[in-house]
Protein backbone atom coordinates (compact mmCIF):
# COMPACT_ATOMS: atom_id res chain seq x y z
CA MET A 1 0.00 0.00 0.00
CA ARG A 2 1.15 3.51 -0.74
CA PHE A 3 2.24 5.67 2.17
CA TRP A 4 -0.34 8.41 1.72
CA THR A 5 -3.11 5.88 1.23
CA THR A 6 -2.41 4.38 4.64
CA ILE A 7 -2.17 7.82 6.24
CA THR A 8 -5.54 8.77 4.75
CA LEU A 9 -7.10 5.54 5.99
CA ILE A 10 -5.80 6.21 9.52
CA LEU A 11 -7.24 9.72 9.38
CA VAL A 12 -10.64 8.49 8.15
CA SER A 13 -10.89 5.67 10.69
CA SER A 14 -10.02 8.09 13.50
CA ALA A 15 -12.66 10.53 12.25
CA VAL A 16 -15.24 7.75 12.15
CA GLY A 17 -14.38 6.73 15.71
CA LEU A 18 -14.79 10.22 17.14
CA THR A 19 -17.98 10.89 15.20
CA TYR A 20 -19.37 7.65 16.57
CA GLU A 21 -18.35 8.56 20.11
CA ILE A 22 -20.10 11.93 20.05
CA ALA A 23 -23.18 10.47 18.36
CA ALA A 24 -23.26 7.80 21.08
CA GLY A 25 -23.36 10.47 23.78
CA ARG A 26 -26.15 12.29 21.96
CA VAL A 27 -28.36 9.24 21.33
CA MET A 28 -28.14 8.32 25.02
CA ALA A 29 -30.16 11.41 25.97
CA PRO A 30 -33.68 10.17 25.11
CA PHE A 31 -33.11 7.03 27.18
CA PHE A 32 -30.79 7.94 30.08
CA GLY A 33 -30.55 11.73 29.89
CA THR A 34 -27.52 13.93 29.41
CA SER A 35 -25.22 14.37 32.38
CA LEU A 36 -21.63 14.10 33.50
CA LEU A 37 -22.34 10.46 34.34
CA THR A 38 -23.68 9.47 30.92
CA TRP A 39 -20.89 11.23 29.04
CA THR A 40 -18.28 9.70 31.36
CA ALA A 41 -19.70 6.24 30.69
CA VAL A 42 -19.76 6.74 26.92
CA ILE A 43 -16.24 8.14 26.74
CA ALA A 44 -14.87 5.38 28.97
CA ALA A 45 -16.57 2.59 27.00
CA VAL A 46 -15.50 3.94 23.62
CA LEU A 47 -11.90 4.54 24.74
CA ALA A 48 -11.80 1.05 26.24
CA GLY A 49 -12.93 -0.28 22.87
CA PHE A 50 -10.26 1.74 21.08
CA SER A 51 -7.62 0.34 23.46
CA LEU A 52 -8.66 -3.28 23.03
CA GLY A 53 -8.96 -2.87 19.26
CA ASN A 54 -5.48 -1.43 19.00
CA ALA A 55 -4.04 -4.23 21.13
CA LEU A 56 -5.72 -6.97 19.11
CA GLY A 57 -4.90 -5.24 15.85
CA GLY A 58 -1.27 -5.01 16.88
CA LEU A 59 -1.11 -8.75 17.52
CA ALA A 60 -2.71 -9.42 14.14
CA ALA A 61 -0.27 -7.06 12.40
CA GLU A 62 2.66 -9.19 13.59
CA GLY A 63 1.38 -12.24 11.69
CA ASP A 64 1.07 -13.01 8.00
CA ARG A 65 0.43 -9.80 6.06
CA ARG A 66 -2.35 -11.16 3.86
CA THR A 67 -4.12 -12.65 6.86
CA ALA A 68 -3.77 -9.37 8.77
CA ILE A 69 -5.19 -7.39 5.85
CA SER A 70 -8.10 -9.81 5.55
CA LYS A 71 -8.85 -9.40 9.27
CA ALA A 72 -8.66 -5.61 8.97
CA ARG A 73 -11.17 -5.63 6.10
CA LYS A 74 -13.53 -7.84 8.08
CA ALA A 75 -13.15 -5.56 11.09
CA LEU A 76 -14.23 -2.57 8.97
CA ALA A 77 -17.25 -4.49 7.68
CA GLY A 78 -18.12 -5.46 11.25
CA THR A 79 -17.69 -1.85 12.31
CA ALA A 80 -20.25 -0.73 9.73
CA ALA A 81 -22.77 -3.33 10.87
CA LEU A 82 -22.36 -2.64 14.58
CA MET A 83 -22.50 1.13 14.16
CA ALA A 84 -25.69 0.81 12.16
CA ILE A 85 -27.48 -1.20 14.85
CA SER A 86 -26.17 0.71 17.88
CA PRO A 87 -29.31 2.89 18.32
CA ALA A 88 -31.55 -0.19 18.01
CA VAL A 89 -29.49 -2.07 20.61
CA LEU A 90 -29.73 0.92 22.93
CA ALA A 91 -33.51 1.12 22.53
CA ILE A 92 -33.97 -2.65 23.00
CA LEU A 93 -31.91 -2.76 26.20
CA HIS A 94 -33.65 0.28 27.65
CA GLY A 95 -37.05 -1.15 26.75
CA SER A 96 -36.09 -4.44 28.38
CA GLY A 97 -35.65 -2.77 31.73
CA ALA A 98 -32.13 -1.33 31.80
CA GLN A 99 -32.60 1.57 34.22
CA GLY A 100 -30.56 3.60 36.67
CA THR A 101 -26.81 3.95 36.75
CA GLY A 102 -26.17 0.22 36.57
CA GLY A 103 -28.50 -0.25 33.61
CA MET A 104 -26.96 2.75 31.88
CA LEU A 105 -23.42 1.40 32.27
CA PHE A 106 -24.43 -2.06 31.00
CA THR A 107 -26.24 -0.55 28.01
CA VAL A 108 -23.32 1.68 27.08
CA VAL A 109 -20.89 -1.23 27.07
CA VAL A 110 -23.15 -3.53 25.04
CA ALA A 111 -24.23 -0.88 22.54
CA PHE A 112 -20.97 0.98 21.90
CA PHE A 113 -17.97 -1.06 23.04
CA PRO A 114 -17.94 -3.65 20.19
CA ALA A 115 -17.96 -1.15 17.31
CA SER A 116 -15.31 0.94 19.08
CA THR A 117 -13.10 -2.13 19.27
CA LEU A 118 -13.46 -3.01 15.59
CA ILE A 119 -12.93 0.52 14.20
CA SER A 120 -9.50 0.70 15.87
CA PHE A 121 -8.46 -2.85 14.93
CA PRO A 122 -6.92 -1.90 11.52
CA SER A 123 -4.88 1.02 12.90
CA PRO A 124 -1.73 -0.88 14.01
CA LEU A 125 -1.53 -2.67 10.64
CA LEU A 126 -1.96 0.60 8.78
CA ALA A 127 0.74 2.22 10.93
CA LYS A 128 3.11 -0.68 10.21
CA LEU A 129 2.44 -0.48 6.47
CA ALA A 130 2.99 3.29 6.47
CA ILE A 131 6.38 2.94 8.19
CA GLU A 132 7.43 0.12 5.86
CA ALA A 133 6.45 2.17 2.82
CA ARG A 134 9.31 4.65 3.45
CA PRO A 135 12.46 2.76 4.48
CA GLY A 136 14.96 4.98 6.26
CA ARG A 137 12.32 7.58 7.16
CA GLU A 138 10.71 5.79 10.07
CA GLY A 139 10.72 8.84 12.35
CA SER A 140 8.78 11.13 10.02
CA SER A 141 6.48 8.26 8.99
CA LEU A 142 5.58 7.60 12.61
CA GLY A 143 5.00 11.32 13.10
CA PHE A 144 2.58 11.40 10.18
CA VAL A 145 0.78 8.34 11.57
CA LEU A 146 0.26 10.02 14.95
CA ALA A 147 -0.70 13.32 13.34
CA ALA A 148 -3.25 11.60 11.09
CA GLY A 149 -4.90 10.02 14.11
CA SER A 150 -5.13 13.37 15.89
CA VAL A 151 -6.36 15.28 12.83
CA GLY A 152 -8.92 12.58 12.18
CA ALA A 153 -10.22 12.89 15.73
CA ILE A 154 -10.55 16.66 15.30
CA VAL A 155 -12.36 16.23 11.98
CA GLY A 156 -14.70 13.64 13.49
CA ALA A 157 -15.56 15.85 16.45
CA ILE A 158 -16.30 18.84 14.21
CA LEU A 159 -18.34 16.75 11.78
CA ALA A 160 -20.47 15.28 14.56
CA GLY A 161 -21.05 18.48 16.52
CA PHE A 162 -21.42 21.00 13.71
CA VAL A 163 -22.60 19.02 10.69
CA THR A 164 -24.08 15.54 10.94
CA LEU A 165 -25.95 15.62 14.26
CA PRO A 166 -27.58 19.05 13.67
CA LEU A 167 -28.37 18.38 10.01
CA ILE A 168 -29.22 14.68 9.66
CA GLY A 169 -29.73 13.45 13.24
CA SER A 170 -28.15 10.72 15.31
CA ALA A 171 -29.51 7.64 13.50
CA ALA A 172 -28.26 8.87 10.13
CA THR A 173 -24.94 9.84 11.73
CA PHE A 174 -24.45 6.26 12.88
CA ALA A 175 -25.30 5.02 9.39
CA ALA A 176 -22.92 7.54 7.79
CA SER A 177 -20.13 6.47 10.14
CA GLY A 178 -20.67 2.87 9.16
CA ALA A 179 -20.76 3.77 5.47
CA ALA A 180 -17.43 5.57 5.81
CA ALA A 181 -15.94 2.42 7.35
CA LEU A 182 -17.26 0.39 4.41
CA LEU A 183 -15.74 2.79 1.90
CA CYS A 184 -12.32 2.19 3.44
CA ILE A 185 -12.39 -1.55 2.70
CA PRO A 186 -11.38 -1.43 -1.02
CA PHE A 187 -8.28 0.58 -0.11
CA VAL A 188 -7.07 -1.91 2.51
CA ARG A 189 -5.34 -4.41 0.25
CA ASP A 190 -2.04 -6.11 -0.38
CA THR A 191 -0.33 -4.84 -3.52
CA ALA A 192 1.91 -7.90 -3.78
CA PRO A 193 0.92 -10.44 -6.49
CA ILE A 194 -1.40 -13.22 -5.30
CA ALA A 195 -2.12 -16.53 -6.98
CA GLU A 196 -5.56 -16.66 -8.57
CA ASP A 197 -6.70 -19.70 -6.57
CA GLU A 198 -5.95 -17.78 -3.35
CA THR A 199 -7.71 -14.61 -4.47
CA VAL A 200 -11.15 -15.97 -5.30
CA PRO A 201 -12.20 -17.31 -1.87
CA LYS A 202 -10.88 -14.22 -0.07
CA THR A 203 -12.73 -11.97 -2.51
CA VAL A 204 -15.96 -13.91 -2.03
CA HIS A 205 -15.66 -13.63 1.76
CA SER A 206 -14.94 -9.90 1.58
CA VAL A 207 -17.86 -9.23 -0.75
CA ALA A 208 -20.18 -11.22 1.50
CA ALA A 209 -19.06 -9.30 4.60
CA VAL A 210 -19.41 -5.94 2.87
CA GLY A 211 -22.80 -6.90 1.48
CA ALA A 212 -24.12 -7.94 4.87
CA ALA A 213 -22.87 -4.72 6.47
CA ALA A 214 -24.42 -2.66 3.67
CA LEU A 215 -27.78 -4.37 4.20
CA LEU A 216 -27.67 -3.55 7.90
CA LEU A 217 -26.83 0.07 7.11
CA ALA A 218 -29.81 0.30 4.77
CA ALA A 219 -32.07 -1.37 7.35
CA SER A 220 -30.96 1.09 10.02
CA LEU A 221 -32.03 3.98 7.81
CA LEU A 222 -35.41 2.37 7.17
CA ILE A 223 -36.05 2.17 10.92
CA GLY A 224 -36.14 5.96 10.95
CA PRO A 225 -34.88 8.68 13.30
CA VAL A 226 -34.82 8.48 17.08
CA CYS A 227 -37.35 11.29 17.35
CA ARG A 228 -39.48 13.55 15.13
CA TYR A 229 -37.22 16.61 15.26
CA GLU A 230 -33.54 16.51 16.13
CA SER A 231 -30.73 19.00 16.40
CA GLY A 232 -27.32 18.73 18.00
CA MET A 233 -28.91 19.68 21.33
CA SER A 234 -32.49 18.43 21.33
CA CYS A 235 -34.49 15.36 20.36
CA LEU A 236 -38.08 16.58 20.15
CA ASP A 237 -41.46 14.93 19.74
CA VAL A 238 -44.91 16.50 19.55
CA VAL A 239 -47.96 14.52 20.67
CA SER A 240 -51.60 15.59 20.32
CA ARG A 241 -54.08 14.29 22.88
CA GLY A 242 -57.59 15.49 22.26
CA THR A 243 -57.56 19.27 22.53
CA SER A 244 -54.06 19.48 24.01
CA VAL A 245 -50.59 19.46 22.42
CA HIS A 246 -47.61 18.08 24.35
CA LEU A 247 -43.95 18.83 23.66
CA TYR A 248 -41.32 16.23 24.64
CA ALA A 249 -37.55 16.71 24.68
CA ASP A 250 -35.46 13.55 25.06
CA ARG A 251 -38.70 11.75 26.04
CA THR A 252 -39.29 14.10 28.97
CA GLU A 253 -42.45 16.18 28.80
CA GLN A 254 -41.44 19.84 28.65
CA ALA A 255 -44.68 21.69 28.00
CA ALA A 256 -48.32 21.29 27.05
CA GLU A 257 -51.00 23.64 25.79
CA ARG A 258 -54.77 23.21 25.63
CA GLN A 259 -56.90 25.21 23.24
CA PRO A 260 -58.91 27.88 25.09
CA LEU A 261 -62.70 27.53 25.18
CA ASP A 262 -63.02 31.03 23.74
CA PRO A 263 -61.18 31.33 20.37
CA GLY A 264 -60.61 35.01 21.09
CA ASP A 265 -58.70 34.26 24.29
CA ASP A 266 -54.97 34.86 23.74
CA ALA A 267 -53.86 32.98 26.84
CA PRO A 268 -53.09 29.26 26.60
CA ARG A 269 -54.81 26.96 29.03
CA LEU A 270 -51.98 25.47 31.05
CA VAL A 271 -51.96 21.69 31.24
CA LEU A 272 -48.93 20.71 33.31
CA PRO A 273 -49.44 21.25 37.07
CA TYR A 274 -45.94 22.68 37.58
CA SER A 275 -46.67 25.46 35.09
CA GLU A 276 -49.97 26.18 36.87
CA TRP A 277 -48.09 26.68 40.14
CA VAL A 278 -45.44 28.91 38.57
CA TRP A 279 -48.14 31.02 36.94
CA ASP A 280 -50.19 31.27 40.14
CA ARG A 281 -47.04 32.35 41.97
CA MET A 282 -46.21 34.97 39.30
CA ASP A 283 -49.80 36.19 39.19
CA ARG A 284 -49.72 36.71 42.96
CA ASP A 285 -46.25 38.21 43.23
CA LEU A 286 -45.86 40.52 40.21
CA GLY A 287 -47.36 43.87 39.35
CA PRO A 288 -49.24 44.94 36.20
CA ALA A 289 -46.14 45.65 34.06
CA PRO A 290 -43.35 43.26 35.04
CA SER A 291 -40.26 42.45 33.00
CA VAL A 292 -39.63 38.72 33.42
CA LEU A 293 -36.63 36.66 32.33
CA PHE A 294 -37.27 33.03 31.35
CA ILE A 295 -34.22 30.76 31.22
CA GLY A 296 -35.44 27.89 29.06
CA GLY A 297 -38.15 28.33 26.47
CA GLY A 298 -39.79 24.92 26.59
CA GLY A 299 -43.21 25.35 25.00
CA TYR A 300 -43.28 29.13 25.61
CA THR A 301 -46.55 28.60 27.50
CA LEU A 302 -45.61 30.60 30.60
CA PRO A 303 -44.31 33.65 28.67
CA THR A 304 -47.44 33.52 26.51
CA LYS A 305 -49.68 33.33 29.59
CA LEU A 306 -47.88 36.29 31.16
CA LEU A 307 -48.13 38.50 28.09
CA ALA A 308 -51.79 37.62 27.52
CA ALA A 309 -52.75 38.28 31.15
CA ARG A 310 -50.60 41.43 31.58
CA PRO A 311 -50.90 43.67 28.51
CA GLN A 312 -48.04 45.86 29.78
CA ALA A 313 -45.71 43.00 30.71
CA ARG A 314 -42.54 42.14 28.85
CA ALA A 315 -40.82 38.77 28.65
CA THR A 316 -37.33 37.74 27.56
CA VAL A 317 -36.92 34.04 26.80
CA VAL A 318 -33.42 32.54 26.59
CA GLU A 319 -33.60 29.22 24.73
CA ILE A 320 -30.36 27.58 23.66
CA ASP A 321 -31.83 25.59 20.76
CA PRO A 322 -33.49 27.43 17.85
CA LEU A 323 -35.18 24.16 16.90
CA VAL A 324 -37.33 24.35 20.05
CA THR A 325 -38.63 27.75 18.98
CA GLN A 326 -39.31 26.50 15.45
CA VAL A 327 -41.26 23.49 16.74
CA VAL A 328 -43.30 25.68 19.11
CA ARG A 329 -44.17 28.07 16.29
CA ARG A 330 -45.33 25.14 14.18
CA HIS A 331 -47.22 23.05 16.73
CA MET A 332 -48.18 25.04 19.85
CA PRO A 333 -51.15 27.18 18.70
CA LYS A 334 -51.30 30.02 21.21
CA ALA A 335 -47.60 30.16 21.98
CA GLY A 336 -46.77 30.07 18.28
CA GLU A 337 -49.27 32.84 17.63
CA MET A 338 -47.77 34.99 20.39
CA ILE A 339 -44.26 34.50 18.96
CA GLU A 340 -45.45 35.48 15.49
CA ARG A 341 -47.31 38.55 16.74
CA THR A 342 -45.01 40.01 19.36
CA GLY A 343 -41.70 38.10 19.32
CA TYR A 344 -38.39 39.68 18.36
CA ALA A 345 -34.74 38.72 18.49
CA ALA A 346 -33.28 40.18 21.66
CA GLY A 347 -29.49 40.42 21.92
CA HIS A 348 -27.52 41.46 24.97
CA ASP A 349 -27.83 45.13 24.06
CA ALA A 350 -31.53 45.05 23.13
CA VAL A 351 -33.57 46.80 25.80
CA SER A 352 -36.79 46.55 23.80
CA GLY A 353 -38.01 45.45 20.42
CA ASP A 354 -41.01 45.70 18.16
CA GLY A 355 -42.94 43.34 20.42
CA ARG A 356 -43.08 42.36 24.06
CA LEU A 357 -41.53 38.90 23.72
CA GLY A 358 -37.75 38.96 23.32
CA ILE A 359 -36.18 35.69 22.18
CA VAL A 360 -32.49 34.93 22.63
CA HIS A 361 -31.04 31.71 21.23
CA GLU A 362 -28.11 31.32 23.56
CA ASP A 363 -26.91 29.39 26.57
CA GLY A 364 -28.70 30.66 29.64
CA ARG A 365 -25.54 31.06 31.72
CA VAL A 366 -23.84 33.10 29.00
CA TYR A 367 -26.83 35.43 28.78
CA ILE A 368 -27.06 35.82 32.55
CA ASN A 369 -23.37 36.67 32.76
CA GLN A 370 -23.36 39.20 29.92
CA THR A 371 -26.72 40.96 29.85
CA PRO A 372 -26.80 44.59 31.06
CA ARG A 373 -30.58 44.46 31.54
CA ARG A 374 -32.53 44.29 34.78
CA PHE A 375 -35.65 42.23 35.43
CA ASP A 376 -38.45 42.07 37.97
CA ALA A 377 -38.47 38.26 38.18
CA VAL A 378 -36.85 35.17 36.65
CA VAL A 379 -38.16 31.69 35.87
CA MET A 380 -35.44 29.02 35.82
CA ASP A 381 -36.96 26.28 33.67
CA ALA A 382 -34.02 25.03 31.59
CA PHE A 383 -33.55 21.30 31.14
CA SER A 384 -31.08 18.99 29.48
CA SER A 385 -33.13 15.83 29.08
CA SER A 386 -34.76 15.36 32.51
CA SER A 387 -32.24 17.31 34.56
CA VAL A 388 -31.19 20.89 35.14
CA PRO A 389 -27.91 21.69 33.33
CA ALA A 390 -25.15 21.63 35.91
CA HIS A 391 -23.77 25.07 35.04
CA LEU A 392 -27.21 26.62 35.70
CA ALA A 393 -27.44 25.06 39.17
CA THR A 394 -24.56 26.81 40.93
CA LEU A 395 -24.16 29.48 43.56
CA GLU A 396 -22.34 31.72 41.08
CA THR A 397 -25.29 31.58 38.67
CA TYR A 398 -27.77 32.69 41.30
CA GLU A 399 -25.46 35.35 42.68
CA ARG A 400 -25.42 36.90 39.22
CA LEU A 401 -29.20 36.54 39.00
CA ARG A 402 -29.55 38.41 42.28
CA ASP A 403 -27.56 41.25 40.70
CA ILE A 404 -29.88 41.60 37.70
CA VAL A 405 -33.26 40.48 39.10
CA ASP A 406 -34.97 42.71 41.65
CA GLY A 407 -37.77 40.35 42.60
CA PRO A 408 -38.57 36.67 43.00
CA VAL A 409 -36.81 33.66 41.51
CA TYR A 410 -38.89 30.64 40.45
CA VAL A 411 -37.18 27.28 39.87
CA ASN A 412 -38.55 24.09 38.34
CA LEU A 413 -36.59 20.85 38.69
CA ILE A 414 -37.14 17.09 38.59
CA ASP A 415 -35.62 15.03 41.37
CA ALA A 416 -36.35 12.41 44.00
CA PRO A 417 -38.12 13.78 47.09
CA ASP A 418 -35.48 15.67 49.07
CA GLY A 419 -32.97 14.54 46.43
CA ARG A 420 -29.46 15.85 45.96
CA LEU A 421 -30.39 18.32 43.20
CA ALA A 422 -33.26 19.74 45.24
CA ARG A 423 -31.08 20.05 48.35
CA GLY A 424 -28.24 21.74 46.46
CA LEU A 425 -30.47 24.31 44.76
CA HIS A 426 -32.46 24.97 47.94
CA ALA A 427 -29.18 25.58 49.79
CA ILE A 428 -28.20 28.17 47.14
CA LEU A 429 -31.50 30.02 47.44
CA ALA A 430 -31.49 29.88 51.24
CA ARG A 431 -28.03 31.45 51.29
CA LEU A 432 -29.01 34.31 48.97
CA TYR A 433 -32.65 35.07 49.90
CA PRO A 434 -34.41 35.44 53.25
CA HIS A 435 -37.66 33.89 52.00
CA VAL A 436 -37.73 30.50 50.26
CA GLU A 437 -40.61 28.06 49.78
CA ALA A 438 -40.82 24.63 48.14
CA VAL A 439 -43.67 22.49 46.85
CA GLN A 440 -43.59 18.99 45.42
CA GLY A 441 -45.77 17.16 42.92
CA PRO A 442 -46.66 13.47 42.74
CA VAL A 443 -43.80 10.96 42.58
CA SER A 444 -43.49 9.07 39.31
CA GLY A 445 -42.78 5.37 38.88
CA ARG A 446 -39.09 6.25 38.58
CA GLY A 447 -39.16 7.84 42.03
CA ARG A 448 -38.93 11.46 40.86
CA ALA A 449 -41.22 14.46 41.03
CA ASN A 450 -41.45 18.08 40.00
CA ILE A 451 -40.03 20.12 42.86
CA LEU A 452 -40.75 23.84 42.63
CA LEU A 453 -38.84 26.53 44.53
CA ALA A 454 -39.60 30.21 44.97
CA ALA A 455 -37.25 32.69 46.62
CA ALA A 456 -37.55 36.43 47.11
CA PRO A 457 -36.14 39.40 49.03
CA GLN A 458 -39.63 40.04 50.44
CA ALA A 459 -42.07 37.63 52.06
CA LEU A 460 -44.04 35.52 49.58
CA ALA A 461 -47.80 35.76 49.99
CA PRO A 462 -49.43 32.33 50.40
CA LEU A 463 -51.35 30.88 47.47
CA ASN A 464 -55.01 30.08 47.96
CA THR A 465 -54.78 26.73 46.17
CA LEU A 466 -52.16 24.32 44.86
CA PRO A 467 -52.33 22.07 41.79
CA GLU A 468 -53.81 18.63 42.40
CA ASP A 469 -51.47 16.32 44.36
CA TYR A 470 -49.02 19.20 45.03
CA ALA A 471 -48.10 20.08 48.59
CA PRO A 472 -45.48 22.08 50.50
CA THR A 473 -42.34 20.08 51.17
CA ARG A 474 -39.34 20.33 53.45
CA ILE A 475 -35.86 20.29 51.93
CA THR A 476 -32.98 19.13 54.11
CA ALA A 477 -30.09 21.54 54.59
CA ALA A 478 -27.12 20.69 52.38
CA ARG A 479 -24.03 22.05 50.66
CA ALA A 480 -24.72 24.62 47.95
CA PHE A 481 -23.56 23.66 44.46
CA THR A 482 -20.74 25.78 43.04
CA ASP A 483 -18.97 25.99 39.70
CA ASP A 484 -16.16 23.99 41.26
CA ARG A 485 -18.26 21.30 42.96
CA GLY A 486 -21.63 21.05 41.33
CA TRP A 487 -24.44 18.79 40.18
CA VAL A 488 -23.29 15.73 38.21
CA GLY A 489 -26.65 14.27 37.17
CA HIS A 490 -29.16 11.71 38.35
CA ARG A 491 -27.69 8.39 39.43
């Protein structure tokens, strides 16, 4: 094999491996959420696969060259097949009862370790062939081999994060990674002459392996995407139930809207009990013309309710994913109508716009840190899968919010009763505000509930009623999360 051919193959295989790794972390979200724990498990499993593949490939490279090349080709065909079925394996294991941290770790290993092992299997052979292709220049050849692996990893990371996952989704990214592995097979060959009677059986075996892998790739595409709408950050589904529309992100219900009885009524009828409590709290606490910051757009139901009920109110919604806003505009009737009628793009320097609903597509922490604006209240309702993003659950975040928000802070989270996330966020609010209250909704089959917190510089007036099955709850004192030692995700 020519030197530059082997270098290119090393680069491509490295790119495929990193693309696969990032896609694996993304496709985990609808099943196990997105957290430090899930990403740690994925990275560890994939790197373990890379390590084993390199070790086994190195042993194979020491043997007969033609046999080693044949094994490398089969490994690439196997890679394509395993990458194609990875999302299906993940879904099957989760549907079979793999839950919690233990189930997540088992699923990660079964779904992603085998393909990671096979994609790295050819690398030692390719490195050996590259060095042998330039006798007397072993040092520079080895340097190019190492550089190709690094550049390939960079290319794979950029492709996954900026191109394939946002544009074609995770299922198609897995299929594309497998297809790239298949395309490498014709270039992995021995250029030395081979007797005809030796060539035919090897060719038949290679064609059969490639054909089987190609069929699996095609089948994986026929299965369809993991969710209805997908970007690099969100996996969204929209479900209609009678007169209500429900928005799901990574299989966690984010918002719901019911058509009002009076078609002329601008305000959406809130469906989810947590949003009813937040609105009742806002309705009780805020004046006729408040300026409210919403971190996390969700279904835009609460901003829409505020603007419909308070004609002089203004709302700024910070939503990291533009796809969420697009889906709301398309499927959530009243919220979409409010965005069309009064929404405007609000940057850091925008104090007002043509309407009363400012929309910022940016990370909530970045906006909080950089905005020069002041607000009368803030609703912290940002989620990554079923959990609050760790960088939005720290003492430093809420200290900055206290600097720019004059009134109450409302927080929605999902956790076990008196769970670690609830305790850490409650400790933050108790340190910064003299008045804090907490209510909890019904506990789900997974042992978690919506826990709602409100904190303010002034005493909070009691609400006359609470949503059904919601009640005040006591949160145990705990250590406040910080940027240095924060929330790591549900276990």
